[in-house]
Amino acid sequence: MDISKRYSIELNKISNHLADLERGHIYELTKIPGTPSCATLAQHLKEDIAALLDLIQNDKPGVAEKVAETSKNI
């Protein structure tokens, strides 16, 4: 299976963090409570990339595969 499809949800999460940065949707600029700071987004990116690499390196299923498997069992 194509990695981009297998881990599409994990990749989308990383993409969303990057989109927030691109749009300037960060607390330092918006001052909106609940908006992540640059440091928070950086930490999320580090964690999400590390988790994705672990899934790939250890051939573990991504969220999409887990959901598909669970749906089959319902």
Protein backbone atom coordinates (compact mmCIF):
# COMPACT_ATOMS: atom_id res chain seq x y z
CA MET A 1 0.00 0.00 0.00
CA ASP A 2 1.14 3.53 -0.76
CA ILE A 3 2.56 5.19 2.38
CA SER A 4 0.71 8.44 1.69
CA LYS A 5 -2.59 6.54 1.67
CA ARG A 6 -1.70 4.21 4.52
CA TYR A 7 -0.81 7.11 6.81
CA SER A 8 -3.07 9.78 5.30
CA ILE A 9 -4.59 10.82 8.62
CA GLU A 10 -1.21 11.18 10.30
CA LEU A 11 0.12 13.17 7.34
CA ASN A 12 -2.99 15.35 7.32
CA LYS A 13 -2.45 16.20 10.99
CA ILE A 14 1.10 17.35 10.23
CA SER A 15 -0.14 19.29 7.21
CA ASN A 16 -2.73 21.07 9.36
CA HIS A 17 -0.04 22.22 11.80
CA LEU A 18 2.02 23.56 8.91
CA ALA A 19 -1.03 25.30 7.44
CA ASP A 20 -1.61 27.07 10.76
CA LEU A 21 1.95 28.35 10.64
CA GLU A 22 1.61 29.44 7.00
CA ARG A 23 -1.61 31.34 7.73
CA GLY A 24 -0.12 32.96 10.82
CA HIS A 25 -2.73 31.20 12.94
CA ILE A 26 -0.59 31.34 16.07
CA TYR A 27 -1.17 32.94 19.43
CA GLU A 28 1.77 35.32 19.06
CA LEU A 29 0.00 36.98 16.13
CA THR A 30 -3.70 36.51 16.84
CA LYS A 31 -3.79 36.76 20.66
CA ILE A 32 -6.86 34.50 20.48
CA PRO A 33 -7.14 32.17 23.49
CA GLY A 34 -6.98 28.55 22.44
CA THR A 35 -4.80 29.32 19.45
CA PRO A 36 -1.52 27.38 19.67
CA SER A 37 1.75 29.20 20.15
CA CYS A 38 4.72 28.66 17.85
CA ALA A 39 6.36 26.57 20.55
CA THR A 40 3.26 24.40 20.91
CA LEU A 41 2.99 23.86 17.16
CA ALA A 42 6.69 22.98 17.00
CA GLN A 43 6.22 20.43 19.78
CA HIS A 44 3.18 18.93 18.04
CA LEU A 45 5.13 18.65 14.79
CA LYS A 46 8.05 16.93 16.52
CA GLU A 47 5.73 14.47 18.24
CA ASP A 48 3.62 13.78 15.14
CA ILE A 49 6.65 13.24 12.90
CA ALA A 50 8.27 10.93 15.47
CA ALA A 51 5.03 8.94 15.79
CA LEU A 52 4.68 8.68 12.00
CA LEU A 53 8.27 7.51 11.61
CA ASP A 54 7.68 4.88 14.28
CA LEU A 55 4.63 3.60 12.42
CA ILE A 56 6.52 3.42 9.13
CA GLN A 57 9.72 1.91 10.53
CA ASN A 58 7.84 -0.76 12.46
CA ASP A 59 5.24 -1.43 9.76
CA LYS A 60 2.42 -0.56 12.15
CA PRO A 61 -1.04 0.32 10.84
CA GLY A 62 -2.08 3.94 10.64
CA VAL A 63 -5.37 5.34 11.91
CA ALA A 64 -7.06 4.83 8.53
CA GLU A 65 -6.17 1.13 8.54
CA LYS A 66 -7.32 0.70 12.14
CA VAL A 67 -10.67 2.35 11.35
CA ALA A 68 -11.12 0.21 8.23
CA GLU A 69 -10.37 -2.96 10.21
CA THR A 70 -12.74 -1.94 13.01
CA SER A 71 -15.47 -1.17 10.47
CA LYS A 72 -15.15 -4.68 9.04
CA ASN A 73 -15.76 -6.16 12.49
CA ILE A 74 -18.97 -4.23 13.09
